[in-house]
Amino acid sequence: MMEVSASNGTVLIVDDTPGNLALLSDTLSEANYRVLVATDGCSAIEQIQYVKPDIILLDVMMPGIDGFETCSRLKADPATAPIPVLFMTGLSELDDLLRGFGEGALDYIVKPIRPAEVLARIEVHLTQSRNLRRAESLLDHHEFAAVAVDAAGGIVWLTPAAREWLADFSELQGMPQAADDMLPESLHGWFQRWLRQSGRNDSETESDAHRLAPGFTLRVGACQNPDEYLLLLQREDAQWTPETLRDKLKLTFREAEILMWIARGKTNKEIGIILTTSPRTVNKHLEHIFEKLGVSTRAAAVAMVLQRA
């Protein structure tokens, strides 16, 4: 029985010229890519709602909406924005390519089509795209808390764990909910003082850890982007035991276990996995913990642990 190898990926070709479609389809199929075809921008956008390609080859000049408008619509939708787009254009249209890059395209292929060039460009961009998605997935689903800021304390980028860290830190400090575009007030002040005291004019070395508040520490990490600083946010790993918390705070053993894991930054889902119970049960115990401690939030519960335990 013949063994069927896995596909190298799915490529959507959007072109209204039959000859180009045939050449590209044959080239990509022979290279073990799954090929999708659309002859205009509207049908391409509709097709992507059902099957998302790994990369798109998009003709510039087409009937209906042209390649620029098609690309703009794809990039405006969060569900399709990450898909790499490569424009296909004739030499006479090269002056328009700057507009294409402005709409979000990554690269272009000049007609007439040369199969070897097409395959090489697709392979390069697919590899980069997959590496980026792996990194994004790792950051989105793990507890790595980092935020990139400019010298004014404006947030350029942050991970989901950093957003949660900043929210808890703001609550602990009695400040308004942290915004996504600027460091919380007290952290912003600390960062500005650190810049002045360190006299730094670069961002390529790491600082020592700084304890900002009970349970919250920070390091300024190396950042390769000019005029940006990478803040590595950490929660102090308290060495309490369930027995210690139970006795100090008058909790049940299970409540003490849950509070210990909350203090270490775990979510209800993660605690449920650790303790082999459901997130709903964890949440019910958490309600009892809040009632016993006289608090209403996780951050306030952790703050009380830091004060008493």
C-alpha atoms as a PDB file:
ATOM      1  CA  MET A   1       0.000   0.000   0.000  1.00  0.00           C
ATOM      2  CA  MET A   2       1.394   3.430  -0.961  1.00  0.00           C
ATOM      3  CA  GLU A   3       2.228   5.682   1.990  1.00  0.00           C
ATOM      4  CA  VAL A   4       0.677   9.130   1.755  1.00  0.00           C
ATOM      5  CA  SER A   5       2.949  11.886   3.078  1.00  0.00           C
ATOM      6  CA  ALA A   6       1.621  14.820   5.065  1.00  0.00           C
ATOM      7  CA  SER A   7       0.921  18.051   3.223  1.00  0.00           C
ATOM      8  CA  ASN A   8       3.482  20.853   3.456  1.00  0.00           C
ATOM      9  CA  GLY A   9       0.631  23.279   4.041  1.00  0.00           C
ATOM     10  CA  THR A  10      -2.395  24.878   2.406  1.00  0.00           C
ATOM     11  CA  VAL A  11      -1.969  27.644  -0.182  1.00  0.00           C
ATOM     12  CA  LEU A  12      -4.818  29.812  -1.463  1.00  0.00           C
ATOM     13  CA  ILE A  13      -4.245  31.199  -4.992  1.00  0.00           C
ATOM     14  CA  VAL A  14      -6.361  34.235  -5.872  1.00  0.00           C
ATOM     15  CA  ASP A  15      -6.050  35.073  -9.579  1.00  0.00           C
ATOM     16  CA  ASP A  16      -8.504  35.596 -12.443  1.00  0.00           C
ATOM     17  CA  THR A  17      -6.093  34.333 -15.138  1.00  0.00           C
ATOM     18  CA  PRO A  18      -6.646  30.616 -15.946  1.00  0.00           C
ATOM     19  CA  GLY A  19      -3.067  30.114 -17.134  1.00  0.00           C
ATOM     20  CA  ASN A  20      -1.594  31.424 -13.881  1.00  0.00           C
ATOM     21  CA  LEU A  21      -3.979  29.303 -11.817  1.00  0.00           C
ATOM     22  CA  ALA A  22      -3.043  26.171 -13.740  1.00  0.00           C
ATOM     23  CA  LEU A  23       0.704  26.767 -13.510  1.00  0.00           C
ATOM     24  CA  LEU A  24       0.636  27.604  -9.805  1.00  0.00           C
ATOM     25  CA  SER A  25      -1.738  24.757  -8.931  1.00  0.00           C
ATOM     26  CA  ASP A  26       0.439  22.193 -10.700  1.00  0.00           C
ATOM     27  CA  THR A  27       3.646  23.594  -9.184  1.00  0.00           C
ATOM     28  CA  LEU A  28       2.296  23.596  -5.648  1.00  0.00           C
ATOM     29  CA  SER A  29       0.552  20.232  -5.907  1.00  0.00           C
ATOM     30  CA  GLU A  30       3.755  18.597  -7.123  1.00  0.00           C
ATOM     31  CA  ALA A  31       5.555  20.130  -4.130  1.00  0.00           C
ATOM     32  CA  ASN A  32       2.989  18.462  -1.828  1.00  0.00           C
ATOM     33  CA  TYR A  33       0.968  21.566  -0.945  1.00  0.00           C
ATOM     34  CA  ARG A  34      -2.804  21.505  -0.626  1.00  0.00           C
ATOM     35  CA  VAL A  35      -4.136  24.050  -3.135  1.00  0.00           C
ATOM     36  CA  LEU A  36      -7.252  26.242  -2.857  1.00  0.00           C
ATOM     37  CA  VAL A  37      -8.319  28.510  -5.721  1.00  0.00           C
ATOM     38  CA  ALA A  38     -10.385  31.687  -6.018  1.00  0.00           C
ATOM     39  CA  THR A  39     -10.820  33.907  -9.062  1.00  0.00           C
ATOM     40  CA  ASP A  40     -11.725  37.150  -7.254  1.00  0.00           C
ATOM     41  CA  GLY A  41     -11.313  38.823  -3.883  1.00  0.00           C
ATOM     42  CA  CYS A  42     -14.876  38.394  -2.637  1.00  0.00           C
ATOM     43  CA  SER A  43     -14.940  34.640  -3.245  1.00  0.00           C
ATOM     44  CA  ALA A  44     -11.503  34.327  -1.617  1.00  0.00           C
ATOM     45  CA  ILE A  45     -12.701  36.080   1.545  1.00  0.00           C
ATOM     46  CA  GLU A  46     -15.825  33.911   1.636  1.00  0.00           C
ATOM     47  CA  GLN A  47     -13.834  30.702   1.122  1.00  0.00           C
ATOM     48  CA  ILE A  48     -11.433  31.553   3.959  1.00  0.00           C
ATOM     49  CA  GLN A  49     -14.362  31.579   6.391  1.00  0.00           C
ATOM     50  CA  TYR A  50     -14.594  27.813   5.894  1.00  0.00           C
ATOM     51  CA  VAL A  51     -10.993  26.750   5.266  1.00  0.00           C
ATOM     52  CA  LYS A  52      -8.099  28.920   6.428  1.00  0.00           C
ATOM     53  CA  PRO A  53      -4.966  28.590   4.303  1.00  0.00           C
ATOM     54  CA  ASP A  54      -1.450  28.800   5.685  1.00  0.00           C
ATOM     55  CA  ILE A  55      -0.457  31.393   3.071  1.00  0.00           C
ATOM     56  CA  ILE A  56      -2.151  33.367   0.279  1.00  0.00           C
ATOM     57  CA  LEU A  57      -0.870  34.192  -3.230  1.00  0.00           C
ATOM     58  CA  LEU A  58      -2.890  37.258  -4.232  1.00  0.00           C
ATOM     59  CA  ASP A  59      -3.068  38.846  -7.686  1.00  0.00           C
ATOM     60  CA  VAL A  60      -3.065  42.656  -7.638  1.00  0.00           C
ATOM     61  CA  MET A  61      -5.355  43.324 -10.607  1.00  0.00           C
ATOM     62  CA  MET A  62      -8.674  41.459 -10.509  1.00  0.00           C
ATOM     63  CA  PRO A  63     -12.327  42.181 -11.333  1.00  0.00           C
ATOM     64  CA  GLY A  64     -14.485  43.425  -8.467  1.00  0.00           C
ATOM     65  CA  ILE A  65     -12.358  44.308  -5.459  1.00  0.00           C
ATOM     66  CA  ASP A  66      -8.662  44.348  -6.357  1.00  0.00           C
ATOM     67  CA  GLY A  67      -5.823  42.680  -4.489  1.00  0.00           C
ATOM     68  CA  PHE A  68      -5.160  45.744  -2.321  1.00  0.00           C
ATOM     69  CA  GLU A  69      -8.733  45.905  -1.022  1.00  0.00           C
ATOM     70  CA  THR A  70      -8.841  42.120  -0.553  1.00  0.00           C
ATOM     71  CA  CYS A  71      -5.647  42.232   1.513  1.00  0.00           C
ATOM     72  CA  SER A  72      -6.944  45.183   3.538  1.00  0.00           C
ATOM     73  CA  ARG A  73     -10.128  43.302   4.442  1.00  0.00           C
ATOM     74  CA  LEU A  74      -8.194  40.182   5.414  1.00  0.00           C
ATOM     75  CA  LYS A  75      -5.849  42.150   7.670  1.00  0.00           C
ATOM     76  CA  ALA A  76      -8.772  43.992   9.303  1.00  0.00           C
ATOM     77  CA  ASP A  77     -10.267  40.690  10.510  1.00  0.00           C
ATOM     78  CA  PRO A  78      -8.438  39.241  13.562  1.00  0.00           C
ATOM     79  CA  ALA A  79      -9.302  35.731  12.380  1.00  0.00           C
ATOM     80  CA  THR A  80      -7.462  36.148   9.055  1.00  0.00           C
ATOM     81  CA  ALA A  81      -4.934  38.886   9.862  1.00  0.00           C
ATOM     82  CA  PRO A  82      -2.095  36.453  10.770  1.00  0.00           C
ATOM     83  CA  ILE A  83      -2.207  34.682   7.379  1.00  0.00           C
ATOM     84  CA  PRO A  84       0.825  35.746   5.295  1.00  0.00           C
ATOM     85  CA  VAL A  85      -0.063  37.384   1.964  1.00  0.00           C
ATOM     86  CA  LEU A  86       2.230  37.458  -1.078  1.00  0.00           C
ATOM     87  CA  PHE A  87       1.196  39.733  -3.939  1.00  0.00           C
ATOM     88  CA  MET A  88       1.601  38.642  -7.566  1.00  0.00           C
ATOM     89  CA  THR A  89       2.189  41.547  -9.934  1.00  0.00           C
ATOM     90  CA  GLY A  90       3.535  42.468 -13.357  1.00  0.00           C
ATOM     91  CA  LEU A  91       6.650  44.581 -13.798  1.00  0.00           C
ATOM     92  CA  SER A  92       4.515  47.549 -14.893  1.00  0.00           C
ATOM     93  CA  GLU A  93       2.744  47.503 -11.499  1.00  0.00           C
ATOM     94  CA  LEU A  94       5.833  47.557  -9.282  1.00  0.00           C
ATOM     95  CA  ASP A  95       5.263  51.200  -8.369  1.00  0.00           C
ATOM     96  CA  ASP A  96       2.070  50.139  -6.616  1.00  0.00           C
ATOM     97  CA  LEU A  97       3.818  47.648  -4.347  1.00  0.00           C
ATOM     98  CA  LEU A  98       4.445  50.142  -1.577  1.00  0.00           C
ATOM     99  CA  ARG A  99       0.693  50.388  -1.237  1.00  0.00           C
ATOM    100  CA  GLY A 100       0.566  46.596  -1.011  1.00  0.00           C
ATOM    101  CA  PHE A 101       3.030  46.535   1.859  1.00  0.00           C
ATOM    102  CA  GLY A 102       0.982  49.238   3.519  1.00  0.00           C
ATOM    103  CA  GLU A 103      -2.069  46.977   3.342  1.00  0.00           C
ATOM    104  CA  GLY A 104      -0.165  44.216   5.156  1.00  0.00           C
ATOM    105  CA  ALA A 105       1.413  42.062   2.435  1.00  0.00           C
ATOM    106  CA  LEU A 106       4.753  40.440   3.333  1.00  0.00           C
ATOM    107  CA  ASP A 107       6.301  39.992  -0.102  1.00  0.00           C
ATOM    108  CA  TYR A 108       5.609  39.955  -3.834  1.00  0.00           C
ATOM    109  CA  ILE A 109       6.203  37.732  -6.829  1.00  0.00           C
ATOM    110  CA  VAL A 110       6.825  39.310 -10.251  1.00  0.00           C
ATOM    111  CA  LYS A 111       5.030  37.870 -13.263  1.00  0.00           C
ATOM    112  CA  PRO A 112       5.639  35.914 -15.402  1.00  0.00           C
ATOM    113  CA  ILE A 113       5.566  33.245 -12.713  1.00  0.00           C
ATOM    114  CA  ARG A 114       8.768  31.293 -12.124  1.00  0.00           C
ATOM    115  CA  PRO A 115       7.879  28.101 -10.204  1.00  0.00           C
ATOM    116  CA  ALA A 116      11.217  27.755  -8.388  1.00  0.00           C
ATOM    117  CA  GLU A 117      10.979  31.309  -7.060  1.00  0.00           C
ATOM    118  CA  VAL A 118       7.378  30.817  -5.934  1.00  0.00           C
ATOM    119  CA  LEU A 119       8.265  27.667  -3.998  1.00  0.00           C
ATOM    120  CA  ALA A 120      11.305  29.316  -2.380  1.00  0.00           C
ATOM    121  CA  ARG A 121       9.341  32.378  -1.220  1.00  0.00           C
ATOM    122  CA  ILE A 122       6.453  30.288   0.098  1.00  0.00           C
ATOM    123  CA  GLU A 123       8.816  28.047   2.073  1.00  0.00           C
ATOM    124  CA  VAL A 124      10.618  31.015   3.653  1.00  0.00           C
ATOM    125  CA  HIS A 125       7.445  32.820   4.693  1.00  0.00           C
ATOM    126  CA  LEU A 126       5.691  29.681   5.923  1.00  0.00           C
ATOM    127  CA  THR A 127       8.683  28.837   8.114  1.00  0.00           C
ATOM    128  CA  GLN A 128       8.743  32.352   9.590  1.00  0.00           C
ATOM    129  CA  SER A 129       4.977  32.369  10.115  1.00  0.00           C
ATOM    130  CA  ARG A 130       4.987  28.990  11.866  1.00  0.00           C
ATOM    131  CA  ASN A 131       7.862  29.982  14.128  1.00  0.00           C
ATOM    132  CA  LEU A 132       5.998  33.163  15.055  1.00  0.00           C
ATOM    133  CA  ARG A 133       2.809  31.245  15.828  1.00  0.00           C
ATOM    134  CA  ARG A 134       4.719  28.772  17.991  1.00  0.00           C
ATOM    135  CA  ALA A 135       6.194  31.654  19.981  1.00  0.00           C
ATOM    136  CA  GLU A 136       2.824  33.378  20.304  1.00  0.00           C
ATOM    137  CA  SER A 137       1.165  30.154  21.446  1.00  0.00           C
ATOM    138  CA  LEU A 138       3.876  29.604  24.051  1.00  0.00           C
ATOM    139  CA  LEU A 139       3.475  33.134  25.394  1.00  0.00           C
ATOM    140  CA  ASP A 140      -0.332  33.014  25.325  1.00  0.00           C
ATOM    141  CA  HIS A 141      -0.680  29.735  27.213  1.00  0.00           C
ATOM    142  CA  HIS A 142       2.150  29.859  29.735  1.00  0.00           C
ATOM    143  CA  GLU A 143       2.926  32.043  32.707  1.00  0.00           C
ATOM    144  CA  PHE A 144       5.737  34.079  31.168  1.00  0.00           C
ATOM    145  CA  ALA A 145       4.907  37.650  32.189  1.00  0.00           C
ATOM    146  CA  ALA A 146       6.753  40.258  30.147  1.00  0.00           C
ATOM    147  CA  VAL A 147       5.952  43.742  28.913  1.00  0.00           C
ATOM    148  CA  ALA A 148       7.886  45.899  26.445  1.00  0.00           C
ATOM    149  CA  VAL A 149       7.724  49.646  27.126  1.00  0.00           C
ATOM    150  CA  ASP A 150       9.208  52.797  25.657  1.00  0.00           C
ATOM    151  CA  ALA A 151      11.155  55.334  27.699  1.00  0.00           C
ATOM    152  CA  ALA A 152       7.924  57.175  28.587  1.00  0.00           C
ATOM    153  CA  GLY A 153       6.430  54.031  30.126  1.00  0.00           C
ATOM    154  CA  GLY A 154       4.051  53.410  27.233  1.00  0.00           C
ATOM    155  CA  ILE A 155       3.249  49.746  26.685  1.00  0.00           C
ATOM    156  CA  VAL A 156       4.347  48.507  23.266  1.00  0.00           C
ATOM    157  CA  TRP A 157       3.598  44.807  23.797  1.00  0.00           C
ATOM    158  CA  LEU A 158       2.694  42.460  26.649  1.00  0.00           C
ATOM    159  CA  THR A 159       1.825  38.823  27.277  1.00  0.00           C
ATOM    160  CA  PRO A 160      -1.515  37.670  28.757  1.00  0.00           C
ATOM    161  CA  ALA A 161       0.268  36.713  31.990  1.00  0.00           C
ATOM    162  CA  ALA A 162       1.727  40.235  32.189  1.00  0.00           C
ATOM    163  CA  ARG A 163      -1.742  41.763  31.770  1.00  0.00           C
ATOM    164  CA  GLU A 164      -2.947  39.683  34.740  1.00  0.00           C
ATOM    165  CA  TRP A 165       0.161  40.586  36.784  1.00  0.00           C
ATOM    166  CA  LEU A 166      -0.371  44.303  36.151  1.00  0.00           C
ATOM    167  CA  ALA A 167      -4.058  44.051  37.058  1.00  0.00           C
ATOM    168  CA  ASP A 168      -3.278  42.282  40.339  1.00  0.00           C
ATOM    169  CA  PHE A 169      -0.470  44.712  41.121  1.00  0.00           C
ATOM    170  CA  SER A 170      -2.769  47.694  40.495  1.00  0.00           C
ATOM    171  CA  GLU A 171      -5.452  46.208  42.731  1.00  0.00           C
ATOM    172  CA  LEU A 172      -2.955  45.510  45.495  1.00  0.00           C
ATOM    173  CA  GLN A 173      -1.809  49.134  45.316  1.00  0.00           C
ATOM    174  CA  GLY A 174      -5.409  50.405  45.423  1.00  0.00           C
ATOM    175  CA  MET A 175      -5.048  51.903  41.939  1.00  0.00           C
ATOM    176  CA  PRO A 176      -7.532  51.902  39.041  1.00  0.00           C
ATOM    177  CA  GLN A 177      -7.527  48.908  36.708  1.00  0.00           C
ATOM    178  CA  ALA A 178      -4.306  48.805  34.699  1.00  0.00           C
ATOM    179  CA  ALA A 179      -4.622  49.995  31.085  1.00  0.00           C
ATOM    180  CA  ASP A 180      -3.089  48.229  28.111  1.00  0.00           C
ATOM    181  CA  ASP A 181      -1.312  51.340  26.825  1.00  0.00           C
ATOM    182  CA  MET A 182       0.549  52.620  29.900  1.00  0.00           C
ATOM    183  CA  LEU A 183       2.220  51.178  33.004  1.00  0.00           C
ATOM    184  CA  PRO A 184       0.233  51.535  36.255  1.00  0.00           C
ATOM    185  CA  GLU A 185       0.972  54.794  38.049  1.00  0.00           C
ATOM    186  CA  SER A 186       3.224  53.494  40.824  1.00  0.00           C
ATOM    187  CA  LEU A 187       5.083  51.146  38.459  1.00  0.00           C
ATOM    188  CA  HIS A 188       5.457  53.989  35.956  1.00  0.00           C
ATOM    189  CA  GLY A 189       7.007  56.155  38.666  1.00  0.00           C
ATOM    190  CA  TRP A 190       9.407  53.386  39.661  1.00  0.00           C
ATOM    191  CA  PHE A 191      10.442  52.885  36.022  1.00  0.00           C
ATOM    192  CA  GLN A 192      11.126  56.592  35.480  1.00  0.00           C
ATOM    193  CA  ARG A 193      13.246  56.728  38.676  1.00  0.00           C
ATOM    194  CA  TRP A 194      15.108  53.626  37.572  1.00  0.00           C
ATOM    195  CA  LEU A 195      15.898  55.221  34.201  1.00  0.00           C
ATOM    196  CA  ARG A 196      17.256  58.360  35.877  1.00  0.00           C
ATOM    197  CA  GLN A 197      19.265  56.534  38.538  1.00  0.00           C
ATOM    198  CA  SER A 198      20.732  53.957  36.211  1.00  0.00           C
ATOM    199  CA  GLY A 199      21.674  56.593  33.654  1.00  0.00           C
ATOM    200  CA  ARG A 200      21.063  54.019  30.965  1.00  0.00           C
ATOM    201  CA  ASN A 201      21.196  55.006  27.353  1.00  0.00           C
ATOM    202  CA  ASP A 202      20.718  51.495  26.006  1.00  0.00           C
ATOM    203  CA  SER A 203      18.482  48.510  26.688  1.00  0.00           C
ATOM    204  CA  GLU A 204      20.783  45.588  25.997  1.00  0.00           C
ATOM    205  CA  THR A 205      21.634  44.408  29.508  1.00  0.00           C
ATOM    206  CA  GLU A 206      19.586  42.966  32.362  1.00  0.00           C
ATOM    207  CA  SER A 207      19.094  44.485  35.797  1.00  0.00           C
ATOM    208  CA  ASP A 208      18.885  42.800  39.173  1.00  0.00           C
ATOM    209  CA  ALA A 209      15.475  41.845  40.547  1.00  0.00           C
ATOM    210  CA  HIS A 210      13.519  44.626  42.267  1.00  0.00           C
ATOM    211  CA  ARG A 211      10.822  43.929  44.865  1.00  0.00           C
ATOM    212  CA  LEU A 212       7.997  46.373  44.159  1.00  0.00           C
ATOM    213  CA  ALA A 213       5.412  45.080  46.639  1.00  0.00           C
ATOM    214  CA  PRO A 214       4.797  41.922  48.669  1.00  0.00           C
ATOM    215  CA  GLY A 215       4.639  39.107  46.144  1.00  0.00           C
ATOM    216  CA  PHE A 216       5.648  41.225  43.115  1.00  0.00           C
ATOM    217  CA  THR A 217       9.173  41.506  41.715  1.00  0.00           C
ATOM    218  CA  LEU A 218      10.545  42.860  38.438  1.00  0.00           C
ATOM    219  CA  ARG A 219      13.692  42.756  36.342  1.00  0.00           C
ATOM    220  CA  VAL A 220      14.516  44.952  33.386  1.00  0.00           C
ATOM    221  CA  GLY A 221      15.614  42.521  30.694  1.00  0.00           C
ATOM    222  CA  ALA A 222      17.681  42.931  27.565  1.00  0.00           C
ATOM    223  CA  CYS A 223      15.738  44.250  24.581  1.00  0.00           C
ATOM    224  CA  GLN A 224      17.103  44.402  21.055  1.00  0.00           C
ATOM    225  CA  ASN A 225      14.608  46.985  19.815  1.00  0.00           C
ATOM    226  CA  PRO A 226      15.939  50.558  20.017  1.00  0.00           C
ATOM    227  CA  ASP A 227      14.378  52.793  22.684  1.00  0.00           C
ATOM    228  CA  GLU A 228      12.436  49.899  24.220  1.00  0.00           C
ATOM    229  CA  TYR A 229      12.804  48.141  27.557  1.00  0.00           C
ATOM    230  CA  LEU A 230      11.644  44.639  28.439  1.00  0.00           C
ATOM    231  CA  LEU A 231      10.184  44.300  31.933  1.00  0.00           C
ATOM    232  CA  LEU A 232      10.182  40.732  33.250  1.00  0.00           C
ATOM    233  CA  LEU A 233       7.427  40.479  35.857  1.00  0.00           C
ATOM    234  CA  GLN A 234       7.520  37.814  38.545  1.00  0.00           C
ATOM    235  CA  ARG A 235       5.547  36.734  41.557  1.00  0.00           C
ATOM    236  CA  GLU A 236       7.557  35.772  44.607  1.00  0.00           C
ATOM    237  CA  ASP A 237       7.273  32.055  45.132  1.00  0.00           C
ATOM    238  CA  ALA A 238       6.047  31.916  48.707  1.00  0.00           C
ATOM    239  CA  GLN A 239       7.175  28.832  50.579  1.00  0.00           C
ATOM    240  CA  TRP A 240       4.013  28.415  52.618  1.00  0.00           C
ATOM    241  CA  THR A 241       2.553  24.990  53.173  1.00  0.00           C
ATOM    242  CA  PRO A 242      -1.159  24.180  53.364  1.00  0.00           C
ATOM    243  CA  GLU A 243      -0.667  23.377  57.056  1.00  0.00           C
ATOM    244  CA  THR A 244       0.805  26.838  57.686  1.00  0.00           C
ATOM    245  CA  LEU A 245      -2.027  28.641  55.921  1.00  0.00           C
ATOM    246  CA  ARG A 246      -4.676  26.481  57.563  1.00  0.00           C
ATOM    247  CA  ASP A 247      -3.418  27.290  61.047  1.00  0.00           C
ATOM    248  CA  LYS A 248      -2.703  30.989  60.411  1.00  0.00           C
ATOM    249  CA  LEU A 249      -5.911  31.843  58.583  1.00  0.00           C
ATOM    250  CA  LYS A 250      -8.371  29.318  60.076  1.00  0.00           C
ATOM    251  CA  LEU A 251      -9.093  27.607  56.775  1.00  0.00           C
ATOM    252  CA  THR A 252      -9.820  24.007  55.878  1.00  0.00           C
ATOM    253  CA  PHE A 253      -6.923  22.030  54.445  1.00  0.00           C
ATOM    254  CA  ARG A 254      -8.397  22.123  50.922  1.00  0.00           C
ATOM    255  CA  GLU A 255      -9.023  25.866  51.163  1.00  0.00           C
ATOM    256  CA  ALA A 256      -5.438  26.337  52.293  1.00  0.00           C
ATOM    257  CA  GLU A 257      -4.184  24.284  49.340  1.00  0.00           C
ATOM    258  CA  ILE A 258      -6.165  26.392  46.891  1.00  0.00           C
ATOM    259  CA  LEU A 259      -5.022  29.663  48.459  1.00  0.00           C
ATOM    260  CA  MET A 260      -1.407  28.516  48.319  1.00  0.00           C
ATOM    261  CA  TRP A 261      -1.669  27.846  44.582  1.00  0.00           C
ATOM    262  CA  ILE A 262      -3.468  31.151  43.995  1.00  0.00           C
ATOM    263  CA  ALA A 263      -0.608  32.938  45.762  1.00  0.00           C
ATOM    264  CA  ARG A 264       1.726  31.242  43.303  1.00  0.00           C
ATOM    265  CA  GLY A 265      -0.173  32.679  40.350  1.00  0.00           C
ATOM    266  CA  LYS A 266      -2.178  29.623  39.271  1.00  0.00           C
ATOM    267  CA  THR A 267      -5.581  29.943  37.603  1.00  0.00           C
ATOM    268  CA  ASN A 268      -8.692  28.044  38.720  1.00  0.00           C
ATOM    269  CA  LYS A 269      -8.284  25.683  35.782  1.00  0.00           C
ATOM    270  CA  GLU A 270      -4.643  24.969  36.637  1.00  0.00           C
ATOM    271  CA  ILE A 271      -5.486  24.451  40.315  1.00  0.00           C
ATOM    272  CA  GLY A 272      -8.237  22.034  39.307  1.00  0.00           C
ATOM    273  CA  ILE A 273      -5.729  20.001  37.309  1.00  0.00           C
ATOM    274  CA  ILE A 274      -3.213  20.004  40.173  1.00  0.00           C
ATOM    275  CA  LEU A 275      -5.792  18.981  42.779  1.00  0.00           C
ATOM    276  CA  THR A 276      -7.749  16.684  40.403  1.00  0.00           C
ATOM    277  CA  THR A 277     -10.986  18.604  40.804  1.00  0.00           C
ATOM    278  CA  SER A 278     -13.101  20.882  38.626  1.00  0.00           C
ATOM    279  CA  PRO A 279     -12.569  24.654  38.201  1.00  0.00           C
ATOM    280  CA  ARG A 280     -16.152  25.133  39.444  1.00  0.00           C
ATOM    281  CA  THR A 281     -15.301  23.364  42.709  1.00  0.00           C
ATOM    282  CA  VAL A 282     -12.161  25.487  43.037  1.00  0.00           C
ATOM    283  CA  ASN A 283     -14.272  28.613  42.563  1.00  0.00           C
ATOM    284  CA  LYS A 284     -16.731  27.481  45.238  1.00  0.00           C
ATOM    285  CA  HIS A 285     -13.863  26.982  47.717  1.00  0.00           C
ATOM    286  CA  LEU A 286     -12.557  30.399  46.697  1.00  0.00           C
ATOM    287  CA  GLU A 287     -15.883  31.993  47.651  1.00  0.00           C
ATOM    288  CA  HIS A 288     -15.549  30.446  51.129  1.00  0.00           C
ATOM    289  CA  ILE A 289     -11.958  31.705  51.376  1.00  0.00           C
ATOM    290  CA  PHE A 290     -13.028  35.252  50.488  1.00  0.00           C
ATOM    291  CA  GLU A 291     -15.791  35.110  53.081  1.00  0.00           C
ATOM    292  CA  LYS A 292     -13.482  33.870  55.839  1.00  0.00           C
ATOM    293  CA  LEU A 293     -10.763  36.410  55.058  1.00  0.00           C
ATOM    294  CA  GLY A 294     -13.178  39.294  54.526  1.00  0.00           C
ATOM    295  CA  VAL A 295     -11.912  40.075  51.034  1.00  0.00           C
ATOM    296  CA  SER A 296     -13.492  40.073  47.577  1.00  0.00           C
ATOM    297  CA  THR A 297     -10.630  39.445  45.137  1.00  0.00           C
ATOM    298  CA  ARG A 298      -7.756  37.037  44.585  1.00  0.00           C
ATOM    299  CA  ALA A 299      -5.194  39.834  44.867  1.00  0.00           C
ATOM    300  CA  ALA A 300      -6.602  40.925  48.217  1.00  0.00           C
ATOM    301  CA  ALA A 301      -6.515  37.336  49.472  1.00  0.00           C
ATOM    302  CA  VAL A 302      -2.861  37.006  48.454  1.00  0.00           C
ATOM    303  CA  ALA A 303      -2.053  40.322  50.129  1.00  0.00           C
ATOM    304  CA  MET A 304      -3.589  39.052  53.375  1.00  0.00           C
ATOM    305  CA  VAL A 305      -1.542  35.876  53.142  1.00  0.00           C
ATOM    306  CA  LEU A 306       1.607  37.974  52.751  1.00  0.00           C
ATOM    307  CA  GLN A 307       0.687  40.009  55.821  1.00  0.00           C
ATOM    308  CA  ARG A 308      -0.267  37.154  58.128  1.00  0.00           C
ATOM    309  CA  ALA A 309       1.606  34.038  57.043  1.00  0.00           C
END
